């Protein structure tokens, strides 16, 4: 994959991200009431798309709190 292809793919994702966020949030809210949908996970992914920096900080906190559960690398 060339650098130009990668840049184009990132731009396409940025455009489509705005369409994906409301879908994730609505499905996440429905998932809080319907047992077949993973509501919290969908809301979390929507949150990560809206606030990527805060999402990274939250993931770091979760990983540090549960060091023995989450393993990164080999």
Protein backbone atom coordinates (compact mmCIF):
# COMPACT_ATOMS: atom_id res chain seq x y z
CA UNK A 1 0.00 0.00 0.00
CA UNK A 2 1.46 3.32 -1.03
CA UNK A 3 1.46 6.45 1.10
CA UNK A 4 -1.13 8.07 -1.19
CA UNK A 5 -3.47 5.08 -0.82
CA UNK A 6 -3.13 5.24 2.95
CA UNK A 7 -3.86 8.98 3.02
CA UNK A 8 -6.94 8.43 0.85
CA UNK A 9 -8.13 5.64 3.11
CA UNK A 10 -7.72 7.85 6.19
CA UNK A 11 -9.70 10.65 4.51
CA UNK A 12 -12.48 8.22 3.60
CA UNK A 13 -12.61 6.99 7.19
CA UNK A 14 -12.80 10.56 8.51
CA UNK A 15 -15.77 11.24 6.22
CA UNK A 16 -17.54 8.00 7.10
CA UNK A 17 -16.82 8.39 10.82
CA UNK A 18 -19.42 11.14 11.07
CA UNK A 19 -22.03 8.74 9.73
CA UNK A 20 -20.95 5.90 12.02
CA UNK A 21 -21.05 7.81 15.32
CA UNK A 22 -24.85 8.33 15.51
CA UNK A 23 -25.46 4.71 14.54
CA UNK A 24 -23.18 3.45 17.32
CA UNK A 25 -24.75 5.76 19.89
CA UNK A 26 -28.33 4.83 18.98
CA UNK A 27 -27.53 1.12 18.93
CA UNK A 28 -25.69 1.51 22.22
CA UNK A 29 -28.69 3.16 23.87
CA UNK A 30 -30.95 0.42 22.51
CA UNK A 31 -28.45 -2.14 23.76
CA UNK A 32 -28.83 -0.85 27.29
CA UNK A 33 -32.45 -2.04 27.20
CA UNK A 34 -32.29 -5.00 24.82
CA UNK A 35 -30.28 -7.99 26.01
CA UNK A 36 -29.13 -9.03 22.52
CA UNK A 37 -27.12 -5.86 21.82
CA UNK A 38 -23.86 -5.02 23.64
CA UNK A 39 -24.95 -1.50 24.67
CA UNK A 40 -21.97 -0.44 26.76
CA UNK A 41 -19.46 -1.59 24.13
CA UNK A 42 -21.25 0.27 21.33
CA UNK A 43 -21.46 3.44 23.40
CA UNK A 44 -17.77 3.08 24.25
CA UNK A 45 -16.79 2.80 20.57
CA UNK A 46 -18.95 5.80 19.74
CA UNK A 47 -17.21 7.70 22.54
CA UNK A 48 -13.81 6.72 21.14
CA UNK A 49 -14.75 8.06 17.71
CA UNK A 50 -16.04 11.34 19.13
CA UNK A 51 -13.23 11.90 21.67
CA UNK A 52 -10.14 9.93 20.55
CA UNK A 53 -7.68 11.52 23.01
CA UNK A 54 -9.92 11.01 26.02
CA UNK A 55 -10.50 7.46 24.83
CA UNK A 56 -6.77 6.78 24.77
CA UNK A 57 -6.43 8.15 28.31
CA UNK A 58 -9.33 5.98 29.47
CA UNK A 59 -7.78 2.88 27.90
CA UNK A 60 -4.47 3.63 29.64
CA UNK A 61 -6.27 3.90 32.99
CA UNK A 62 -8.10 0.63 32.38
CA UNK A 63 -4.89 -1.14 31.38
CA UNK A 64 -3.01 0.16 34.42
CA UNK A 65 -5.82 -0.86 36.76
CA UNK A 66 -6.11 -4.34 35.29
CA UNK A 67 -2.47 -5.05 34.45
CA UNK A 68 -2.72 -8.74 35.16
CA UNK A 69 -5.80 -9.19 32.95
CA UNK A 70 -4.85 -7.18 29.86
CA UNK A 71 -1.70 -8.23 28.09
CA UNK A 72 -0.15 -6.25 25.28
CA UNK A 73 2.48 -7.70 23.02
CA UNK A 74 3.67 -11.28 23.41
